[in-house]
Amino acid sequence: MVLNMQKHNNEFKICSIVGARPQFVKLQPFSEEVRRKFKEIIIHTGQHYDDNMSKSFFRELNIPEPDFNLNIRSPYQGEQTGNMIKGLEELLININPDAVVVFGDTNSTLAGTLAAVKLHIPTFHIEAGLRSFNRKMPEEINRIATDHIADYLFVPTDKAMDNLTHEGLHHVSYLTGDIMVDSLKNAIRKVKNQESVLDELKIKNNNYYLLTLHRPQNVDQYDNLWLILSQLNKLDLKVVFPIHPRTKKILKQGQHNSNSLSNIIFIEPQGYLRFIYLQLKAKKILTDSGGIQKEAYILKKPCLTIREETEWVETIETGWNKLCSPQSDHFLDTIINHTSPDKYLPIFGQDVASKIVEKMIMLLN
C-alpha cells in the first residue's frame, strides 16, 4: 500500500491510537521520533482513565496531550471495543490521516486497527507477533486479530518473527526490536527525584519484592486472589503491591480479613517514574503482566511470572524470568530461590523508535 509520492514527509498525518498504560509508555519515544518527520495526531480511547494510569504518564514522560479523547469506559469487553470502533471511525473520517499506528494488545489496539483498515488507511502495529498460545486471555485474541488485519507489523524479537512467519505474515513483518528499550532508557534518566518513595514506604534498597496483578484469572475471582496473596504474605521479605481499586474492592468482599496480610504493603497505583524506581530498587519483580516481565528484563531484575505461560518466552529462556503457578506446592520456594543468571543478552535491540520511523518512511513512499 503506497501513499502519494508527491507529498513531503512533513505533510503526512500519522494518527497514533492509545488507551492503556503500556501504550502511553511505548508512545513516548515513538511520538518524539515521529514528530521529527511527520505531523502526529494522538487519539486516546479512554480505556485507562484513572489519573495514575493515564494523565500522570503524559505529564511525567512529556508526551504531547492527546488531540482527542473518546472517554470510553465500559467494563465489558465487547461493548468497550464496539464503542471504540464507532468513535474511532468517526474521528478517522474527519481527520483523514495518511497512516494509523497502534501499539500492543489491548482493546484499543484491536479497535484502532479495525476502524483504520475498513477505511483503507495504512495501519502499522508496533509490538507484533507475540503469542502466549492461551486464547482465554483477551490480549491473545487482540494480538492475533490485529496482526492478521494490519498492513505492516513491527516485530520486537526473533521469536515473534518466527510466530508471524509460521502464520504466513513474514512478507509484512519487520524486525525492529522493542520500543520499550527506548522508553526505559528515557525514564531512567528521570527517576533520580523519586528516592523518597523508599522512605515513605519504610523499605530499603534490594530488600523487598514488587508485585503487580491484573489478569482476570488471578484477580477477578476472590478465591484465586486470596490464594496468591495469602501465600505471598509468607515470603521472607516485604511485598509492595500497588493495587488497582477494582482489585481492592474484590479483596474486601471476601470472607478473610485482609488486615492479616501484614507482610504486604498495599499502595495506590503509582505514577510511571515512581513505579520504575520501585522496580530498580526491588530484589525481585512478581507479576502477571507481559509488559512488566519485559521491563524487568531490560532493567536486569529477576522476575517471577504468576502465570502458566508467557508471550515473552525469551526472558524465560535466558533465565531472568521464571513461571510460577500459585497452585504449585513449590510456589514460594520458586520465588525465593530464583536468582538472576551471570549472562545478560540485549534481546530487545536498541534505538528502536528511529528504526520504526525510518521503516515507515520507506513503506509510505
Protein backbone atom coordinates (compact mmCIF):
# COMPACT_ATOMS: atom_id res chain seq x y z
CA MET A 1 0.00 0.00 0.00
CA VAL A 2 1.72 3.18 -1.22
CA LEU A 3 0.79 6.77 -0.50
CA ASN A 4 1.03 9.86 -2.68
CA MET A 5 4.73 10.17 -3.51
CA GLN A 6 4.20 13.87 -4.31
CA LYS A 7 3.88 14.58 -0.56
CA HIS A 8 6.81 15.59 1.61
CA ASN A 9 7.20 13.63 4.84
CA ASN A 10 6.19 16.59 6.99
CA GLU A 11 2.89 16.76 5.15
CA PHE A 12 1.93 13.23 6.16
CA LYS A 13 -0.55 12.94 9.05
CA ILE A 14 0.19 9.97 11.31
CA CYS A 15 -2.53 9.06 13.79
CA SER A 16 -1.33 7.27 16.97
CA ILE A 17 -4.08 5.43 18.85
CA VAL A 18 -3.54 4.60 22.54
CA GLY A 19 -5.73 3.78 25.52
CA ALA A 20 -3.82 1.95 28.27
CA ARG A 21 -0.76 2.43 30.46
CA PRO A 22 1.66 0.25 28.43
CA GLN A 23 0.69 2.10 25.27
CA PHE A 24 1.42 5.51 26.78
CA VAL A 25 4.89 4.28 27.68
CA LYS A 26 5.52 2.99 24.13
CA LEU A 27 4.08 6.17 22.65
CA GLN A 28 6.67 8.43 24.30
CA PRO A 29 9.76 7.54 22.23
CA PHE A 30 7.68 6.94 19.11
CA SER A 31 5.97 10.33 19.35
CA GLU A 32 9.27 12.07 19.96
CA GLU A 33 10.80 10.44 16.89
CA VAL A 34 7.81 10.54 14.53
CA ARG A 35 7.32 14.28 15.05
CA ARG A 36 10.77 14.89 13.58
CA LYS A 37 9.43 13.60 10.26
CA PHE A 38 5.62 13.71 10.26
CA LYS A 39 2.64 15.52 11.73
CA GLU A 40 1.28 13.35 14.54
CA ILE A 41 -2.27 13.27 15.89
CA ILE A 42 -2.85 11.34 19.15
CA ILE A 43 -6.19 9.71 19.94
CA HIS A 44 -6.80 8.40 23.49
CA THR A 45 -9.69 5.92 23.62
CA GLY A 46 -10.13 6.41 27.38
CA GLN A 47 -9.60 2.72 28.19
CA HIS A 48 -7.43 3.72 31.19
CA TYR A 49 -8.76 6.94 32.68
CA ASP A 50 -7.55 6.95 36.31
CA ASP A 51 -5.02 9.76 36.76
CA ASN A 52 -2.23 7.41 37.88
CA MET A 53 -2.89 5.20 34.87
CA SER A 54 -3.36 7.94 32.28
CA LYS A 55 -2.81 11.67 32.78
CA SER A 56 0.24 11.25 35.00
CA PHE A 57 2.01 9.29 32.26
CA PHE A 58 1.59 12.10 29.76
CA ARG A 59 2.85 14.64 32.33
CA GLU A 60 5.82 12.65 33.61
CA LEU A 61 7.01 11.47 30.22
CA ASN A 62 6.41 14.77 28.45
CA ILE A 63 4.13 13.16 25.89
CA PRO A 64 2.03 15.67 23.95
CA GLU A 65 -1.54 15.82 25.26
CA PRO A 66 -3.95 13.71 23.19
CA ASP A 67 -5.66 15.67 20.43
CA PHE A 68 -8.82 13.65 21.05
CA ASN A 69 -10.10 11.58 23.99
CA LEU A 70 -13.08 9.28 23.39
CA ASN A 71 -13.60 8.67 27.15
CA ILE A 72 -14.88 5.13 26.55
CA ARG A 73 -15.05 3.45 29.96
CA SER A 74 -17.29 0.41 29.59
CA PRO A 75 -16.26 -2.56 31.78
CA TYR A 76 -17.49 -5.06 29.17
CA GLN A 77 -15.03 -6.23 26.53
CA GLY A 78 -17.43 -6.34 23.58
CA GLU A 79 -19.24 -3.12 24.40
CA GLN A 80 -15.96 -1.29 25.01
CA THR A 81 -14.37 -2.49 21.77
CA GLY A 82 -17.53 -1.75 19.76
CA ASN A 83 -17.85 1.77 21.15
CA MET A 84 -14.18 2.38 20.41
CA ILE A 85 -14.58 1.29 16.78
CA LYS A 86 -17.58 3.60 16.35
CA GLY A 87 -15.82 6.59 17.91
CA LEU A 88 -12.55 5.98 16.09
CA GLU A 89 -14.23 5.54 12.71
CA GLU A 90 -15.96 8.91 13.03
CA LEU A 91 -12.70 10.61 14.05
CA LEU A 92 -10.60 8.99 11.33
CA ILE A 93 -13.08 10.02 8.65
CA ASN A 94 -12.79 13.63 9.83
CA ILE A 95 -9.01 13.58 10.36
CA ASN A 96 -8.27 11.68 7.14
CA PRO A 97 -4.77 10.56 8.25
CA ASP A 98 -2.20 9.06 5.90
CA ALA A 99 -1.47 6.23 8.34
CA VAL A 100 -2.58 4.84 11.71
CA VAL A 101 -0.25 3.39 14.35
CA VAL A 102 -1.42 1.04 17.11
CA PHE A 103 0.55 -0.44 19.98
CA GLY A 104 0.49 -3.71 21.90
CA ASP A 105 -2.52 -5.93 22.55
CA THR A 106 -5.39 -4.06 24.21
CA ASN A 107 -8.97 -3.48 23.10
CA SER A 108 -7.76 -0.07 21.89
CA THR A 109 -5.24 -1.84 19.64
CA LEU A 110 -7.85 -4.04 18.00
CA ALA A 111 -10.45 -1.29 17.72
CA GLY A 112 -7.97 1.12 16.16
CA THR A 113 -6.87 -1.46 13.62
CA LEU A 114 -10.40 -2.46 12.64
CA ALA A 115 -11.54 1.13 12.26
CA ALA A 116 -8.49 2.07 10.15
CA VAL A 117 -8.32 -0.91 7.79
CA LYS A 118 -12.05 -0.70 7.00
CA LEU A 119 -11.38 2.89 5.89
CA HIS A 120 -8.40 1.68 3.82
CA ILE A 121 -5.91 3.66 5.90
CA PRO A 122 -2.43 2.06 6.05
CA THR A 123 -2.09 0.61 9.55
CA PHE A 124 1.10 -0.18 11.47
CA HIS A 125 1.18 -2.47 14.52
CA ILE A 126 4.06 -1.88 16.95
CA GLU A 127 4.88 -4.94 19.10
CA ALA A 128 3.51 -7.51 16.68
CA GLY A 129 3.93 -11.28 16.70
CA LEU A 130 3.71 -12.04 20.42
CA ARG A 131 1.90 -15.25 21.30
CA SER A 132 1.14 -16.84 24.68
CA PHE A 133 -0.93 -19.56 22.93
CA ASN A 134 -3.58 -19.09 25.59
CA ARG A 135 -6.79 -17.95 23.91
CA LYS A 136 -8.51 -17.45 27.24
CA MET A 137 -6.51 -14.22 27.51
CA PRO A 138 -8.31 -11.28 25.83
CA GLU A 139 -4.89 -9.91 24.89
CA GLU A 140 -4.10 -13.03 22.86
CA ILE A 141 -7.22 -12.59 20.74
CA ASN A 142 -6.39 -8.91 20.25
CA ARG A 143 -2.83 -9.73 19.13
CA ILE A 144 -3.80 -12.39 16.64
CA ALA A 145 -6.62 -10.39 15.10
CA THR A 146 -4.56 -7.20 14.88
CA ASP A 147 -1.60 -8.92 13.24
CA HIS A 148 -3.79 -10.55 10.62
CA ILE A 149 -5.58 -7.38 9.54
CA ALA A 150 -2.94 -4.64 9.97
CA ASP A 151 -0.94 -3.70 6.88
CA TYR A 152 2.54 -3.61 8.42
CA LEU A 153 3.94 -5.32 11.51
CA PHE A 154 6.88 -4.05 13.57
CA VAL A 155 8.29 -7.00 15.47
CA PRO A 156 10.24 -6.89 18.77
CA THR A 157 12.06 -10.24 18.82
CA ASP A 158 13.21 -13.18 16.72
CA LYS A 159 10.62 -15.43 18.40
CA ALA A 160 7.84 -13.04 17.48
CA MET A 161 9.11 -13.02 13.89
CA ASP A 162 9.05 -16.83 13.90
CA ASN A 163 5.41 -16.73 15.04
CA LEU A 164 4.45 -14.40 12.20
CA THR A 165 6.36 -16.45 9.64
CA HIS A 166 4.51 -19.55 10.82
CA GLU A 167 1.21 -17.68 10.35
CA GLY A 168 2.11 -16.59 6.81
CA LEU A 169 2.77 -12.93 7.67
CA HIS A 170 6.51 -12.72 7.08
CA HIS A 171 6.05 -10.54 3.97
CA VAL A 172 4.55 -7.67 6.02
CA SER A 173 6.72 -8.12 9.13
CA TYR A 174 9.83 -6.11 10.03
CA LEU A 175 12.17 -6.94 12.91
CA THR A 176 12.86 -3.61 14.64
CA GLY A 177 13.43 -4.53 18.29
CA ASP A 178 11.18 -3.49 21.14
CA ILE A 179 10.35 0.18 21.59
CA MET A 180 10.24 -0.28 25.38
CA VAL A 181 14.04 -0.23 25.32
CA ASP A 182 13.84 3.43 24.31
CA SER A 183 11.03 4.13 26.79
CA LEU A 184 13.01 2.79 29.74
CA LYS A 185 16.23 4.48 28.65
CA ASN A 186 14.40 7.81 28.75
CA ALA A 187 12.64 7.02 32.04
CA ILE A 188 15.81 6.02 33.89
CA ARG A 189 17.23 9.48 33.24
CA LYS A 190 14.26 10.98 35.08
CA VAL A 191 13.91 8.78 38.19
CA LYS A 192 16.60 10.42 40.31
CA ASN A 193 13.98 12.59 42.04
CA GLN A 194 12.00 9.52 43.18
CA GLU A 195 14.27 8.43 46.05
CA SER A 196 11.76 9.47 48.71
CA VAL A 197 9.42 6.61 47.80
CA LEU A 198 11.52 4.07 49.75
CA ASP A 199 11.47 6.24 52.88
CA GLU A 200 7.73 6.79 52.54
CA LEU A 201 7.12 3.04 52.42
CA LYS A 202 9.76 2.28 55.08
CA ILE A 203 11.58 -0.17 52.83
CA LYS A 204 15.21 -0.49 51.82
CA ASN A 205 17.03 -0.95 48.54
CA ASN A 206 17.11 -4.59 47.36
CA ASN A 207 15.13 -5.69 50.40
CA TYR A 208 11.56 -6.11 49.10
CA TYR A 209 9.56 -7.75 46.34
CA LEU A 210 7.47 -5.65 43.97
CA LEU A 211 4.14 -7.21 42.98
CA THR A 212 1.64 -6.42 40.23
CA LEU A 213 -1.52 -8.41 39.49
CA HIS A 214 -4.23 -7.67 36.94
CA ARG A 215 -5.01 -10.83 34.92
CA PRO A 216 -8.69 -11.83 35.27
CA GLN A 217 -7.77 -15.38 36.26
CA ASN A 218 -5.71 -14.00 39.16
CA VAL A 219 -7.82 -11.12 40.44
CA ASP A 220 -11.44 -11.45 39.28
CA GLN A 221 -12.19 -14.46 41.49
CA TYR A 222 -11.76 -13.80 45.20
CA ASP A 223 -10.53 -17.33 45.97
CA ASN A 224 -7.73 -17.09 43.40
CA LEU A 225 -6.72 -13.64 44.59
CA TRP A 226 -6.68 -14.71 48.23
CA LEU A 227 -4.67 -17.84 47.41
CA ILE A 228 -1.95 -15.74 45.79
CA LEU A 229 -1.82 -13.02 48.43
CA SER A 230 -2.02 -15.33 51.44
CA GLN A 231 0.96 -17.27 50.11
CA LEU A 232 2.97 -14.17 49.23
CA ASN A 233 2.33 -12.96 52.77
CA LYS A 234 4.64 -15.79 53.94
CA LEU A 235 7.65 -14.58 51.93
CA ASP A 236 10.93 -13.70 53.58
CA LEU A 237 10.77 -10.01 52.58
CA LYS A 238 8.07 -7.36 52.42
CA VAL A 239 5.90 -7.34 49.30
CA VAL A 240 5.00 -3.92 47.86
CA PHE A 241 1.72 -4.16 45.96
CA PRO A 242 0.28 -1.21 44.00
CA ILE A 243 -3.28 -2.48 43.97
CA HIS A 244 -5.90 -1.41 41.46
CA PRO A 245 -9.11 -0.04 43.07
CA ARG A 246 -11.17 -2.78 41.43
CA THR A 247 -8.89 -5.50 42.83
CA LYS A 248 -9.03 -3.87 46.26
CA LYS A 249 -12.82 -3.96 46.10
CA ILE A 250 -12.80 -7.68 45.29
CA LEU A 251 -10.40 -8.34 48.17
CA LYS A 252 -12.67 -6.52 50.64
CA GLN A 253 -15.69 -8.56 49.56
CA GLY A 254 -14.16 -11.85 50.72
CA GLN A 255 -14.56 -13.74 53.95
CA HIS A 256 -10.96 -13.32 55.11
CA ASN A 257 -9.58 -10.33 56.96
CA SER A 258 -7.15 -8.58 54.60
CA ASN A 259 -5.52 -6.92 57.63
CA SER A 260 -3.93 -10.30 58.30
CA LEU A 261 -1.76 -9.78 55.20
CA SER A 262 0.75 -7.89 57.31
CA ASN A 263 3.75 -8.69 55.10
CA ILE A 264 2.16 -7.00 52.08
CA ILE A 265 2.36 -3.23 51.73
CA PHE A 266 -0.73 -2.14 49.80
CA ILE A 267 -0.29 1.15 47.96
CA GLU A 268 -2.23 3.06 45.31
CA PRO A 269 -1.34 2.63 41.61
CA GLN A 270 1.88 4.55 41.08
CA GLY A 271 2.93 7.11 38.53
CA TYR A 272 5.26 5.73 35.89
CA LEU A 273 8.53 7.15 37.21
CA ARG A 274 7.83 6.11 40.80
CA PHE A 275 6.99 2.62 39.59
CA ILE A 276 10.19 2.38 37.54
CA TYR A 277 12.14 3.45 40.62
CA LEU A 278 10.41 0.76 42.69
CA GLN A 279 11.40 -1.81 40.07
CA LEU A 280 15.01 -0.63 40.02
CA LYS A 281 15.33 -0.94 43.80
CA ALA A 282 13.38 -4.20 44.28
CA LYS A 283 15.10 -7.50 44.93
CA LYS A 284 12.72 -9.28 42.51
CA ILE A 285 9.63 -8.48 40.45
CA LEU A 286 6.47 -10.60 40.87
CA THR A 287 3.91 -10.03 38.14
CA ASP A 288 1.32 -11.41 35.76
CA SER A 289 1.85 -8.55 33.30
CA GLY A 290 3.51 -9.13 29.95
CA GLY A 291 4.87 -5.60 29.81
CA ILE A 292 6.39 -5.72 33.28
CA GLN A 293 8.14 -9.02 32.53
CA LYS A 294 9.84 -7.18 29.71
CA GLU A 295 10.59 -4.09 31.83
CA ALA A 296 12.15 -6.31 34.48
CA TYR A 297 14.40 -7.92 31.88
CA ILE A 298 15.53 -4.61 30.40
CA LEU A 299 16.19 -3.31 33.93
CA LYS A 300 18.13 -6.53 34.70
CA LYS A 301 15.85 -7.58 37.54
CA PRO A 302 14.92 -11.22 38.32
CA CYS A 303 11.25 -11.76 37.53
CA LEU A 304 8.67 -14.33 38.66
CA THR A 305 5.64 -14.51 36.39
CA ILE A 306 2.50 -15.66 38.18
CA ARG A 307 1.03 -17.43 35.17
CA GLU A 308 1.14 -20.78 33.41
CA GLU A 309 2.61 -19.31 30.18
CA THR A 310 4.15 -16.14 28.79
CA GLU A 311 4.38 -14.36 25.47
CA TRP A 312 7.91 -13.23 26.37
CA VAL A 313 9.49 -16.68 26.09
CA GLU A 314 12.96 -15.20 25.53
CA THR A 315 13.02 -13.90 29.09
CA ILE A 316 12.38 -17.45 30.33
CA GLU A 317 15.00 -19.00 28.05
CA THR A 318 17.69 -16.56 29.19
CA GLY A 319 16.96 -17.41 32.83
CA TRP A 320 15.94 -13.94 34.02
CA ASN A 321 12.26 -14.79 34.24
CA LYS A 322 10.54 -17.86 35.66
CA LEU A 323 6.93 -19.03 35.52
CA CYS A 324 5.37 -19.89 38.86
CA SER A 325 1.86 -21.14 39.48
CA PRO A 326 0.20 -20.27 42.82
CA GLN A 327 -1.42 -23.72 42.69
CA SER A 328 2.02 -25.32 42.85
CA ASP A 329 3.36 -26.75 46.13
CA HIS A 330 6.66 -25.04 45.26
CA PHE A 331 5.25 -21.56 44.64
CA LEU A 332 7.10 -19.80 47.47
CA ASP A 333 10.30 -21.82 47.04
CA THR A 334 10.37 -20.91 43.35
CA ILE A 335 10.16 -17.21 44.22
CA ILE A 336 12.75 -17.30 46.99
CA ASN A 337 15.28 -19.44 45.11
CA HIS A 338 15.10 -17.70 41.72
CA THR A 339 18.22 -15.67 41.01
CA SER A 340 19.48 -13.74 38.02
CA PRO A 341 21.96 -15.51 35.73
CA ASP A 342 25.50 -14.29 35.14
CA LYS A 343 24.87 -13.64 31.45
CA TYR A 344 22.69 -10.88 30.01
CA LEU A 345 21.75 -10.66 26.33
CA PRO A 346 20.28 -7.45 24.79
CA ILE A 347 17.46 -9.40 23.15
CA PHE A 348 15.21 -6.37 22.64
CA GLY A 349 17.53 -4.27 20.48
CA GLN A 350 18.32 -0.55 20.70
CA ASP A 351 17.38 2.76 19.03
CA VAL A 352 14.09 1.13 18.12
CA ALA A 353 11.92 4.22 17.62
CA SER A 354 14.24 5.63 14.97
CA LYS A 355 14.29 2.26 13.16
CA ILE A 356 10.50 2.13 13.16
CA VAL A 357 10.10 5.66 11.81
CA GLU A 358 12.73 5.13 9.10
CA LYS A 359 10.92 1.96 8.03
CA MET A 360 7.62 3.86 7.98
CA ILE A 361 9.13 6.48 5.66
CA MET A 362 10.28 3.75 3.30
CA LEU A 363 6.91 1.97 3.32
CA LEU A 364 4.82 5.12 2.92
CA ASN A 365 6.88 6.30 -0.03
